[in-house]
Protein backbone atom coordinates (compact mmCIF):
# COMPACT_ATOMS: atom_id res chain seq x y z
CA UNK A 1 0.08 -0.08 0.02
CA UNK A 2 2.76 2.27 0.96
CA UNK A 3 4.47 1.70 -2.55
CA UNK A 4 1.17 2.37 -4.25
CA UNK A 5 0.57 5.65 -2.39
CA UNK A 6 4.19 6.72 -3.32
CA UNK A 7 3.70 5.78 -6.93
CA UNK A 8 0.42 7.90 -7.03
CA UNK A 9 2.05 10.81 -5.17
CA UNK A 10 4.87 10.74 -7.85
CA UNK A 11 2.43 10.72 -10.60
CA UNK A 12 0.40 13.51 -9.15
CA UNK A 13 3.73 15.55 -8.63
CA UNK A 14 4.66 14.80 -12.32
CA UNK A 15 1.24 16.24 -13.52
CA UNK A 16 1.12 19.07 -11.36
CA UNK A 17 4.61 20.05 -12.56
CA UNK A 18 3.74 19.50 -16.00
CA UNK A 19 0.47 21.63 -15.78
CA UNK A 20 2.44 24.35 -13.74
CA UNK A 21 4.98 24.68 -16.51
CA UNK A 22 2.48 24.59 -19.24
CA UNK A 23 0.55 27.41 -17.47
CA UNK A 24 4.06 29.34 -17.08
CA UNK A 25 4.87 29.29 -20.54
CA UNK A 26 1.26 30.25 -21.61
CA UNK A 27 1.40 33.08 -19.30
CA UNK A 28 4.93 34.33 -20.60
CA UNK A 29 3.51 34.00 -24.24
CA UNK A 30 0.24 35.74 -23.74
CA UNK A 31 1.87 38.85 -21.95
CA UNK A 32 4.43 39.06 -24.87
CA UNK A 33 1.67 38.91 -27.39
CA UNK A 34 -0.26 41.44 -25.59
CA UNK A 35 2.77 43.85 -25.77
CA UNK A 36 3.28 43.12 -29.36
CA UNK A 37 -0.37 44.08 -30.22
CA UNK A 38 0.08 47.28 -28.43
CA UNK A 39 3.23 47.97 -30.26
CA UNK A 40 1.59 47.22 -33.62
CA UNK A 41 -1.37 49.52 -32.85
CA UNK A 42 1.01 52.48 -32.37
CA UNK A 43 2.94 51.80 -35.61
CA UNK A 44 6.16 50.93 -33.69
CA UNK A 45 7.25 48.75 -36.73
CA UNK A 46 7.82 51.91 -38.52
CA UNK A 47 8.33 54.34 -35.75
CA UNK A 48 10.58 52.42 -33.48
CA UNK A 49 11.83 49.95 -36.24
CA UNK A 50 15.21 48.89 -34.60
CA UNK A 51 13.60 48.20 -31.29
CA UNK A 52 10.61 46.37 -32.83
CA UNK A 53 12.87 44.23 -34.87
CA UNK A 54 14.84 43.21 -31.78
CA UNK A 55 11.43 42.35 -30.17
CA UNK A 56 10.38 40.28 -33.10
CA UNK A 57 13.89 38.32 -33.01
CA UNK A 58 13.45 37.61 -29.29
CA UNK A 59 9.72 36.64 -30.02
CA UNK A 60 10.96 34.07 -32.46
CA UNK A 61 13.32 32.44 -30.00
CA UNK A 62 10.44 32.15 -27.35
CA UNK A 63 8.35 30.17 -29.83
CA UNK A 64 11.08 27.46 -30.45
CA UNK A 65 9.49 24.17 -29.44
CA UNK A 66 12.85 22.44 -29.00
CA UNK A 67 14.03 24.69 -26.40
CA UNK A 68 13.48 24.46 -22.63
CA UNK A 69 10.45 26.28 -21.08
CA UNK A 70 12.93 28.63 -19.17
CA UNK A 71 14.63 29.54 -22.39
CA UNK A 72 11.47 30.32 -24.08
CA UNK A 73 10.24 32.33 -21.12
CA UNK A 74 13.20 34.41 -20.78
CA UNK A 75 12.87 35.44 -24.40
CA UNK A 76 9.40 36.04 -24.14
CA UNK A 77 10.01 38.34 -21.37
CA UNK A 78 12.79 40.01 -23.18
CA UNK A 79 10.41 40.41 -26.19
CA UNK A 80 7.86 41.94 -23.95
CA UNK A 81 10.15 44.55 -22.69
CA UNK A 82 11.34 45.36 -25.90
CA UNK A 83 8.07 45.69 -27.56
CA UNK A 84 6.75 48.10 -24.53
CA UNK A 85 9.88 50.12 -25.23
CA UNK A 86 9.11 50.27 -28.96
CA UNK A 87 5.58 51.42 -28.13
CA UNK A 88 6.90 54.08 -25.67
CA UNK A 89 9.16 55.35 -28.51
CA UNK A 90 6.51 55.27 -31.10
CA UNK A 91 4.22 57.16 -28.63
CA UNK A 92 6.85 59.79 -28.45
CA UNK A 93 7.50 59.92 -32.33
CA UNK A 94 3.69 60.34 -33.09
CA UNK A 95 3.97 63.66 -31.03
CA UNK A 96 7.49 64.83 -31.85
CA UNK A 97 7.22 64.01 -35.79
CA UNK A 98 3.48 64.49 -36.03
CA UNK A 99 3.65 66.85 -38.99
CA UNK A 100 6.07 64.58 -40.93
CA UNK A 101 3.96 61.46 -40.20
CA UNK A 102 0.82 63.22 -41.44
CA UNK A 103 2.58 64.66 -44.48
CA UNK A 104 4.19 61.28 -45.41
CA UNK A 105 0.84 59.29 -44.88
CA UNK A 106 -0.87 61.75 -47.50
CA UNK A 107 1.99 61.47 -50.01
CA UNK A 108 2.08 57.70 -49.54
CA UNK A 109 -1.67 57.69 -50.17
CA UNK A 110 -1.20 59.21 -53.48
CA UNK A 111 1.59 56.82 -54.43
CA UNK A 112 4.16 59.89 -54.21
CA UNK A 113 6.74 57.20 -53.25
CA UNK A 114 6.40 55.87 -56.78
CA UNK A 115 5.68 58.98 -59.01
CA UNK A 116 8.57 61.07 -57.18
CA UNK A 117 10.63 58.20 -56.13
CA UNK A 118 14.07 60.35 -55.92
CA UNK A 119 12.41 63.15 -53.77
CA UNK A 120 10.75 60.41 -51.61
CA UNK A 121 14.01 58.58 -51.21
CA UNK A 122 15.48 61.79 -49.98
CA UNK A 123 12.81 62.45 -47.52
CA UNK A 124 12.64 58.95 -46.48
CA UNK A 125 16.28 58.73 -45.44
CA UNK A 126 15.72 61.80 -43.15
CA UNK A 127 12.64 60.06 -41.83
CA UNK A 128 14.83 56.94 -40.95
CA UNK A 129 17.65 59.13 -39.23
CA UNK A 130 14.77 60.79 -37.25
CA UNK A 131 13.32 57.51 -36.07
CA UNK A 132 16.97 56.35 -35.19
CA UNK A 133 17.36 59.69 -33.29
CA UNK A 134 14.20 59.03 -31.38
CA UNK A 135 15.35 55.48 -30.47
CA UNK A 136 18.55 57.02 -29.14
CA UNK A 137 16.36 59.63 -27.30
CA UNK A 138 18.00 62.55 -29.41
CA UNK A 139 14.70 64.49 -29.48
CA UNK A 140 16.38 67.73 -30.55
CA UNK A 141 17.76 65.99 -33.69
CA UNK A 142 14.55 64.45 -34.36
CA UNK A 143 12.66 67.90 -34.03
CA UNK A 144 15.20 69.53 -36.45
CA UNK A 145 14.47 66.78 -38.84
CA UNK A 146 10.78 66.89 -38.54
CA UNK A 147 10.95 70.23 -39.93
CA UNK A 148 12.73 69.43 -43.08
CA UNK A 149 10.92 66.05 -43.78
CA UNK A 150 7.40 67.55 -43.08
CA UNK A 151 8.00 70.08 -45.95
CA UNK A 152 9.35 67.75 -48.23
CA UNK A 153 6.63 65.22 -47.79
CA UNK A 154 4.13 68.05 -48.32
CA UNK A 155 5.78 69.04 -51.46
CA UNK A 156 5.63 65.47 -52.86
CA UNK A 157 1.72 65.16 -52.06
CA UNK A 158 1.27 68.56 -53.94
CA UNK A 159 3.30 67.57 -56.88
CA UNK A 160 1.14 64.58 -57.21
CA UNK A 161 -2.21 66.59 -56.65
CA UNK A 162 -0.92 69.11 -59.38
CA UNK A 163 -0.26 66.21 -61.83
CA UNK A 164 -3.72 64.70 -61.15
CA UNK A 165 -5.43 68.17 -62.05
CA UNK A 166 -3.20 70.12 -64.46
CA UNK A 167 -1.38 67.23 -66.65
CA UNK A 168 -4.09 67.27 -69.27
CA UNK A 169 -3.71 71.06 -69.40
CA UNK A 170 -0.10 70.96 -69.60
CA UNK A 171 -0.26 68.33 -72.50
CA UNK A 172 -2.55 70.37 -74.47
CA UNK A 173 -0.32 73.36 -74.26
CA UNK A 174 2.58 71.30 -75.32
CA UNK A 175 0.80 69.92 -78.23
CA UNK A 176 -0.46 73.41 -79.14
CA UNK A 177 3.27 74.56 -78.97
CA UNK A 178 4.12 71.62 -81.33
CA UNK A 179 1.61 72.81 -83.79
CA UNK A 180 3.24 76.07 -83.68
CA UNK A 181 0.51 77.93 -82.05
CA UNK A 182 2.88 80.44 -80.42
CA UNK A 183 3.64 81.48 -83.83
CA UNK A 184 0.04 81.53 -85.37
CA UNK A 185 -2.22 81.92 -82.41
CA UNK A 186 -0.08 83.39 -79.75
CA UNK A 187 -2.80 85.23 -77.84
CA UNK A 188 -4.96 82.27 -77.39
CA UNK A 189 -1.92 80.22 -76.34
CA UNK A 190 -0.90 82.77 -74.02
CA UNK A 191 -4.43 82.65 -72.49
CA UNK A 192 -3.87 79.07 -71.96
CA UNK A 193 -0.79 79.42 -70.26
CA UNK A 194 -2.06 82.07 -67.91
CA UNK A 195 -5.04 79.77 -66.89
CA UNK A 196 -2.71 76.98 -66.10
CA UNK A 197 -0.54 79.44 -64.00
CA UNK A 198 -3.81 80.42 -62.30
CA UNK A 199 -4.82 76.86 -61.59
CA UNK A 200 -1.31 76.00 -60.28
CA UNK A 201 -1.75 79.06 -57.70
CA UNK A 202 -4.90 77.97 -56.42
CA UNK A 203 -3.67 74.61 -55.67
CA UNK A 204 -0.64 76.00 -53.90
CA UNK A 205 -3.22 77.92 -51.79
CA UNK A 206 -5.55 75.24 -51.07
CA UNK A 207 -4.83 71.71 -52.67
CA UNK A 208 -7.80 69.79 -51.15
CA UNK A 209 -10.44 72.48 -52.08
CA UNK A 210 -9.71 72.04 -55.65
CA UNK A 211 -12.98 72.60 -57.63
CA UNK A 212 -11.64 76.20 -58.76
CA UNK A 213 -8.34 74.78 -59.92
CA UNK A 214 -10.17 71.97 -61.90
CA UNK A 215 -12.57 74.73 -63.49
CA UNK A 216 -9.45 77.09 -64.31
CA UNK A 217 -7.52 73.98 -65.80
CA UNK A 218 -10.71 73.30 -68.01
CA UNK A 219 -10.46 77.03 -69.44
CA UNK A 220 -6.83 76.19 -70.11
CA UNK A 221 -7.60 73.17 -72.18
CA UNK A 222 -10.30 74.94 -74.07
CA UNK A 223 -7.77 77.91 -74.96
CA UNK A 224 -5.06 75.48 -75.86
CA UNK A 225 -7.45 73.40 -77.99
CA UNK A 226 -8.81 76.43 -79.67
CA UNK A 227 -5.23 77.74 -80.32
CA UNK A 228 -4.55 74.26 -82.13
CA UNK A 229 -7.80 74.88 -84.23
CA UNK A 230 -6.78 78.62 -85.09
CA UNK A 231 -3.09 77.26 -86.05
CA UNK A 232 -4.43 74.58 -88.37
CA UNK A 233 -6.99 76.90 -89.82
CA UNK A 234 -4.44 79.78 -90.57
CA UNK A 235 -1.81 77.04 -91.85
CA UNK A 236 -4.65 75.84 -94.26
CA UNK A 237 -5.31 78.92 -95.83
CA UNK A 238 -4.25 79.52 -99.41
CA UNK A 239 -2.44 82.68 -99.23
CA UNK A 240 -2.89 83.42 -102.82
CA UNK A 241 -6.63 83.53 -102.40
CA UNK A 242 -7.09 85.04 -98.81
CA UNK A 243 -5.38 86.92 -96.32
CA UNK A 244 -5.17 85.71 -92.73
C-alpha cells in the first residue's frame, strides 16, 4: 500500500509540475503577445523599427518548441520589454514627428513614393534618421529633421495633386506648341498658359478645395484646343486667295 501511495504521489507531482510549466509558458507568451499588439497599434514597426525588430527576434526564439521552457520564457520576457519600449518610442515619435507622419501618410496614399521616387527617397532617408534619433532619445535632432521632412513630404503630395488636375492642360499646351500655336495663335495660347498658372496657384493656396483649380484647368484646356484649331485653320489658308 505504501508503495502504491508513493507511486500515485509521484504521478500527481509529475502532472502538477507539467501543468504548472504549461501555465507558466502560456502566461509568458500571452504577456508578450499583448505587448506586441500594443506596439503594432501605435505603428512601432515603422516609428521604432530597430527596437521592434529586436523584439521580433526575441519572440521568434520564445516560440522554439525544441528549447526549454525557461529559455522560451526568458526570451518572451525580453520580447515583451522590447515591444513595450518600442511602443513608448512610437508614442513619442507620434508627438515629435506628428507633421511629418501626417504629410508622409498623405503623400504615400497618392503613390508619391512611386511617382516622385527620388524626392521620396531623399525625404525617407531623413525620416529613418529621425526614427534612429528617437530610439537614441536624441529628441532635438528628431525635431530638426521633422521640419525638413514635413516640408518635403508635403511638397511630394502637392506635386502629385497638381499632376492629377493639371497634366491634361499641360499636355494640351505642349501639343499646341508643337503645332506652332505660339507663332500662329500666340494670344490664345498665352491665355491657356495664364489659366494654367492660375490653376497651379489655386492648388498652392488650397490643395484640398480644388474645384476652382479644376475649373480653371478646363479653361486652359479649352484655350489651348482653340489655339490648335486656329493654328491649323491659318496654316490651311491659301495665301494666294485669302489673307489671314
